[in-house]
Amino acid sequence: MRYAYLGPAGTFAEAALRTLDGVTEAVPAVSVVAALEAVRAGTADCAVVPFENSVEGSVPTTLDELAVGDALHVVREVVLPVSFALLARPGTALADVRTVATHPHAEAQCRRWLAAQVPSAQLVLAPSTADAARLVGEGAYDASVSAPVAAATYGLVALADDIHDNEGAQTRFVVVARPGQDPAATGKDRTTVVLFLSDDHPGALLEILTEFATRGVNLTRIESRPTGGGLGRYCFSVDLEGHRSEEPVAQALASLTPVCSEVRFLGSYPRAF
């Protein structure tokens, strides 16, 4: 199995991928979009991309890319504890740090720490924490907030370990494949869907929520995302407990037809939490 992941080497996405069995080749992608497109194009069997973080919330790019284009299905999720390090080239002291590169989600998890320890440093946002480390290794910036594993990959040293603002931060990654047979129901599953309203009218969201509530289906995440069709045009990205082969879930999804122009199924798969 050939897996694409949000690269370059040394990202938390790669760490999530390394927890999986059956990976024969791991291919870094320059972005979430590129990783998902590799699966759509058939150059990768699966992709591992970040979906949400316990501090910063969902990853908008992942949500939006799964909501449009050729269908892709989530077949598994991986939850990783997240611990960052401040990495720099050998010989750099904390007092020398004038620029810090990192991914926006990492910055959000270390914002107060950075303000306290390197208050004069300019923050530079990078496509991934590993890419930030790569740029530091090339001399573009003084330091990066990255996964500790990136130090060896890019010839850096840690100026500080285990940096964070919140104890116990976690990131949820999803394994995405082309549509096929769903993973079998385990009794502890999650289903992800994207709901597009037929028209915007008072009580439309309540109608959706009622269909799940009356059947005892618990929603674990719901958020609106713009469809790109103009201001005020939104879809809803939803996670719910249960497998679509189970009658309450199947009935709830089928009942949404009157209020939704499209119910995009993104997969039923075992829950990691």
Protein backbone atom coordinates (compact mmCIF):
# COMPACT_ATOMS: atom_id res chain seq x y z
CA MET A 1 0.00 0.00 0.00
CA ARG A 2 1.35 3.39 -1.06
CA TYR A 3 0.45 6.19 1.35
CA ALA A 4 0.69 9.92 0.75
CA TYR A 5 0.94 12.18 3.80
CA LEU A 6 1.28 15.86 4.60
CA GLY A 7 5.03 16.35 4.33
CA PRO A 8 7.85 16.87 4.18
CA ALA A 9 9.51 14.17 6.29
CA GLY A 10 9.28 14.81 10.02
CA THR A 11 5.63 15.93 10.30
CA PHE A 12 3.12 14.66 12.82
CA ALA A 13 1.21 13.27 9.83
CA GLU A 14 4.19 11.01 9.14
CA ALA A 15 4.20 9.99 12.80
CA ALA A 16 0.51 9.09 12.49
CA LEU A 17 1.23 7.10 9.34
CA ARG A 18 3.96 5.14 11.12
CA THR A 19 1.35 3.74 13.52
CA LEU A 20 -0.41 1.95 10.65
CA ASP A 21 0.19 -1.59 9.42
CA GLY A 22 0.61 -2.51 5.77
CA VAL A 23 2.41 0.65 4.62
CA THR A 24 4.91 -0.36 1.95
CA GLU A 25 5.74 3.14 0.72
CA ALA A 26 5.28 6.55 2.35
CA VAL A 27 5.28 9.55 0.00
CA PRO A 28 5.38 13.11 1.40
CA ALA A 29 3.05 15.64 -0.24
CA VAL A 30 3.55 19.40 -0.20
CA SER A 31 0.01 20.06 1.10
CA VAL A 32 -3.21 18.45 2.27
CA VAL A 33 -4.65 19.14 -1.18
CA ALA A 34 -1.73 17.38 -2.90
CA ALA A 35 -2.04 14.34 -0.59
CA LEU A 36 -5.75 13.96 -1.32
CA GLU A 37 -5.30 14.53 -5.03
CA ALA A 38 -2.71 11.74 -5.12
CA VAL A 39 -5.43 9.34 -3.94
CA ARG A 40 -7.95 10.68 -6.44
CA ALA A 41 -5.41 10.32 -9.25
CA GLY A 42 -4.50 6.77 -8.21
CA THR A 43 -0.83 7.54 -7.53
CA ALA A 44 -1.43 6.70 -3.86
CA ASP A 45 -3.73 4.13 -2.28
CA CYS A 46 -4.42 6.22 0.82
CA ALA A 47 -3.56 9.57 2.33
CA VAL A 48 -2.97 10.55 5.96
CA VAL A 49 -3.96 14.15 6.68
CA PRO A 50 -4.76 16.17 9.81
CA PHE A 51 -8.47 16.62 10.52
CA GLU A 52 -8.78 18.41 13.85
CA ASN A 53 -6.85 19.46 16.92
CA SER A 54 -8.04 19.61 20.51
CA VAL A 55 -6.79 23.20 20.86
CA GLU A 56 -7.21 24.86 17.46
CA GLY A 57 -10.20 22.88 16.16
CA SER A 58 -10.74 21.48 12.68
CA VAL A 59 -8.34 21.82 9.75
CA PRO A 60 -10.35 23.86 7.21
CA THR A 61 -8.40 22.67 4.17
CA THR A 62 -9.13 19.02 4.93
CA LEU A 63 -12.83 19.66 5.56
CA ASP A 64 -13.23 21.71 2.39
CA GLU A 65 -11.30 19.35 0.11
CA LEU A 66 -13.32 16.34 1.25
CA ALA A 67 -16.56 18.25 0.65
CA VAL A 68 -15.89 18.81 -3.07
CA GLY A 69 -14.36 16.99 -6.02
CA ASP A 70 -14.30 13.26 -6.64
CA ALA A 71 -15.55 11.35 -3.62
CA LEU A 72 -13.10 10.11 -1.02
CA HIS A 73 -13.89 8.07 2.08
CA VAL A 74 -12.34 8.08 5.54
CA VAL A 75 -11.45 4.50 6.46
CA ARG A 76 -9.64 5.09 9.75
CA GLU A 77 -8.66 7.75 12.24
CA VAL A 78 -5.51 8.10 14.33
CA VAL A 79 -5.23 10.31 17.40
CA LEU A 80 -1.76 11.43 18.48
CA PRO A 81 -0.63 13.37 21.54
CA VAL A 82 1.19 16.46 20.33
CA SER A 83 4.45 17.66 21.84
CA PHE A 84 6.57 20.35 20.20
CA ALA A 85 10.20 21.40 20.41
CA LEU A 86 11.88 24.70 19.53
CA LEU A 87 14.50 23.63 16.98
CA ALA A 88 17.48 25.60 15.69
CA ARG A 89 20.82 25.10 13.95
CA PRO A 90 23.68 23.95 16.21
CA GLY A 91 25.35 26.86 17.97
CA THR A 92 22.17 28.94 18.18
CA ALA A 93 21.21 30.26 21.61
CA LEU A 94 17.70 31.15 22.70
CA ALA A 95 18.76 34.81 22.83
CA ASP A 96 19.76 34.62 19.14
CA VAL A 97 16.25 33.73 17.95
CA ARG A 98 14.72 36.59 15.95
CA THR A 99 12.45 34.56 13.65
CA VAL A 100 10.38 31.46 14.41
CA ALA A 101 8.69 29.41 11.68
CA THR A 102 5.85 26.95 12.26
CA HIS A 103 2.42 25.77 11.12
CA PRO A 104 -0.61 27.85 12.26
CA HIS A 105 -1.99 25.03 14.43
CA ALA A 106 1.37 24.64 16.18
CA GLU A 107 1.57 28.38 16.76
CA ALA A 108 -1.87 28.32 18.36
CA GLN A 109 -0.75 25.60 20.78
CA CYS A 110 2.45 27.41 21.79
CA ARG A 111 1.43 31.07 21.53
CA ARG A 112 1.83 31.98 25.20
CA TRP A 113 5.07 30.02 25.52
CA LEU A 114 6.59 31.84 22.54
CA ALA A 115 5.46 35.22 23.88
CA ALA A 116 7.14 34.49 27.19
CA GLN A 117 10.37 32.88 25.95
CA VAL A 118 11.10 34.70 22.64
CA PRO A 119 8.96 37.85 22.91
CA SER A 120 10.86 39.77 20.22
CA ALA A 121 10.84 36.99 17.64
CA GLN A 122 8.86 37.40 14.41
CA LEU A 123 6.51 34.51 13.68
CA VAL A 124 6.53 33.07 10.14
CA LEU A 125 3.82 30.60 9.08
CA ALA A 126 4.83 27.50 7.09
CA PRO A 127 2.82 24.74 5.32
CA SER A 128 3.83 22.23 8.02
CA THR A 129 5.97 22.03 11.13
CA ALA A 130 8.47 19.87 9.23
CA ASP A 131 8.68 22.38 6.40
CA ALA A 132 9.42 25.02 9.03
CA ALA A 133 12.30 22.87 10.32
CA ARG A 134 13.58 22.40 6.78
CA LEU A 135 13.63 26.16 6.24
CA VAL A 136 15.56 26.64 9.48
CA GLY A 137 18.08 24.02 8.36
CA GLU A 138 18.54 25.95 5.11
CA GLY A 139 19.20 29.16 7.04
CA ALA A 140 15.98 30.98 6.15
CA TYR A 141 14.88 31.42 9.78
CA ASP A 142 16.43 31.11 13.23
CA ALA A 143 14.15 28.51 14.82
CA SER A 144 11.03 26.43 14.29
CA VAL A 145 8.30 24.97 16.44
CA SER A 146 8.23 21.41 15.15
CA ALA A 147 7.90 17.77 16.06
CA PRO A 148 11.01 16.63 17.97
CA VAL A 149 11.68 13.97 15.29
CA ALA A 150 12.34 16.74 12.75
CA ALA A 151 15.59 17.68 14.51
CA ALA A 152 17.52 14.67 13.24
CA THR A 153 15.95 14.90 9.78
CA TYR A 154 17.11 18.48 9.20
CA GLY A 155 20.30 18.64 11.28
CA LEU A 156 18.88 20.76 14.08
CA VAL A 157 19.06 20.75 17.87
CA ALA A 158 16.35 21.43 20.44
CA LEU A 159 16.60 24.71 22.31
CA ALA A 160 13.55 23.66 24.35
CA ASP A 161 11.53 20.45 24.58
CA ASP A 162 7.88 19.71 25.35
CA ILE A 163 6.68 23.24 24.72
CA HIS A 164 2.94 23.94 24.83
CA ASP A 165 0.25 26.12 26.35
CA ASN A 166 -2.20 23.30 27.05
CA GLU A 167 -1.46 19.95 28.67
CA GLY A 168 -2.69 16.88 26.83
CA ALA A 169 -3.14 18.41 23.37
CA GLN A 170 -4.07 15.89 20.68
CA THR A 171 -4.45 15.89 16.91
CA ARG A 172 -6.83 13.65 15.01
CA PHE A 173 -5.63 12.40 11.62
CA VAL A 174 -7.78 10.59 9.06
CA VAL A 175 -6.78 7.89 6.60
CA VAL A 176 -8.53 8.58 3.30
CA ALA A 177 -9.04 6.21 0.35
CA ARG A 178 -11.09 6.02 -2.83
CA PRO A 179 -14.66 4.77 -2.27
CA GLY A 180 -14.95 1.03 -1.80
CA GLN A 181 -16.22 -1.31 0.85
CA ASP A 182 -16.70 0.41 4.22
CA PRO A 183 -14.80 -0.96 7.20
CA ALA A 184 -17.07 -3.38 9.03
CA ALA A 185 -19.07 -2.08 11.96
CA THR A 186 -17.33 -2.60 15.30
CA GLY A 187 -19.90 -1.21 17.70
CA LYS A 188 -17.62 1.77 18.34
CA ASP A 189 -17.71 3.65 15.06
CA ARG A 190 -17.90 7.15 13.65
CA THR A 191 -19.61 8.36 10.48
CA THR A 192 -18.66 11.60 8.74
CA VAL A 193 -20.93 13.40 6.29
CA VAL A 194 -21.25 16.80 4.63
CA LEU A 195 -24.77 18.21 4.38
CA PHE A 196 -25.78 20.73 1.72
CA LEU A 197 -29.07 22.54 2.36
CA SER A 198 -31.64 22.62 -0.43
CA ASP A 199 -32.51 26.17 0.60
CA ASP A 200 -31.81 28.45 3.52
CA HIS A 201 -34.95 28.85 5.62
CA PRO A 202 -35.79 29.33 9.30
CA GLY A 203 -35.41 26.09 11.20
CA ALA A 204 -33.45 24.23 8.51
CA LEU A 205 -30.64 23.28 10.90
CA LEU A 206 -33.17 22.31 13.56
CA GLU A 207 -34.84 19.96 11.07
CA ILE A 208 -31.50 18.26 10.48
CA LEU A 209 -30.69 17.97 14.17
CA THR A 210 -34.16 16.60 14.96
CA GLU A 211 -33.74 13.68 12.55
CA PHE A 212 -30.68 12.54 14.48
CA ALA A 213 -32.05 13.33 17.95
CA THR A 214 -35.31 11.43 17.51
CA ARG A 215 -33.33 8.30 16.56
CA GLY A 216 -30.84 8.61 19.41
CA VAL A 217 -27.87 9.32 17.13
CA ASN A 218 -25.26 11.45 18.89
CA LEU A 219 -23.45 14.15 16.91
CA THR A 220 -19.85 14.61 18.08
CA ARG A 221 -18.96 17.51 15.77
CA ILE A 222 -20.92 19.91 13.58
CA GLU A 223 -19.63 23.03 11.90
CA SER A 224 -20.54 25.21 8.96
CA ARG A 225 -18.21 25.77 6.02
CA PRO A 226 -18.69 28.13 3.07
CA THR A 227 -19.59 26.39 -0.18
CA GLY A 228 -17.87 29.00 -2.34
CA GLY A 229 -21.19 29.83 -3.98
CA GLY A 230 -21.47 33.29 -2.41
CA LEU A 231 -21.87 34.92 0.98
CA GLY A 232 -24.38 33.12 3.16
CA ARG A 233 -24.02 29.80 1.32
CA TYR A 234 -22.86 27.13 3.77
CA CYS A 235 -22.71 23.39 4.16
CA PHE A 236 -22.41 21.45 7.41
CA SER A 237 -19.57 19.06 8.17
CA VAL A 238 -20.80 16.49 10.70
CA ASP A 239 -19.37 13.63 12.74
CA LEU A 240 -21.80 11.25 14.40
CA GLU A 241 -21.53 8.13 16.48
CA GLY A 242 -22.43 4.88 14.75
CA HIS A 243 -22.01 3.09 11.43
CA ARG A 244 -24.18 3.69 8.38
CA SER A 245 -25.02 -0.03 8.30
CA GLU A 246 -26.84 0.44 11.64
CA GLU A 247 -30.54 1.20 11.30
CA PRO A 248 -30.72 4.44 13.37
CA VAL A 249 -27.86 6.02 11.39
CA ALA A 250 -29.16 4.79 8.03
CA GLN A 251 -32.66 6.07 8.78
CA ALA A 252 -31.41 9.46 9.97
CA LEU A 253 -29.30 9.98 6.84
CA ALA A 254 -32.14 8.88 4.54
CA SER A 255 -34.55 11.26 6.26
CA LEU A 256 -32.42 14.29 5.37
CA THR A 257 -33.45 14.20 1.68
CA PRO A 258 -36.30 16.74 2.04
CA VAL A 259 -34.04 19.41 3.57
CA CYS A 260 -30.68 18.60 1.92
CA SER A 261 -29.82 18.84 -1.77
CA GLU A 262 -26.89 16.51 -1.13
CA VAL A 263 -25.75 14.27 1.70
CA ARG A 264 -22.11 13.53 0.94
CA PHE A 265 -21.04 10.39 2.76
CA LEU A 266 -17.38 10.53 3.83
CA GLY A 267 -17.13 7.20 5.58
CA SER A 268 -18.02 4.98 8.54
CA TYR A 269 -14.94 3.79 10.41
CA PRO A 270 -13.73 2.70 13.87
CA ARG A 271 -13.50 5.50 16.46
CA ALA A 272 -10.15 6.18 18.07
CA PHE A 273 -11.77 7.96 21.06
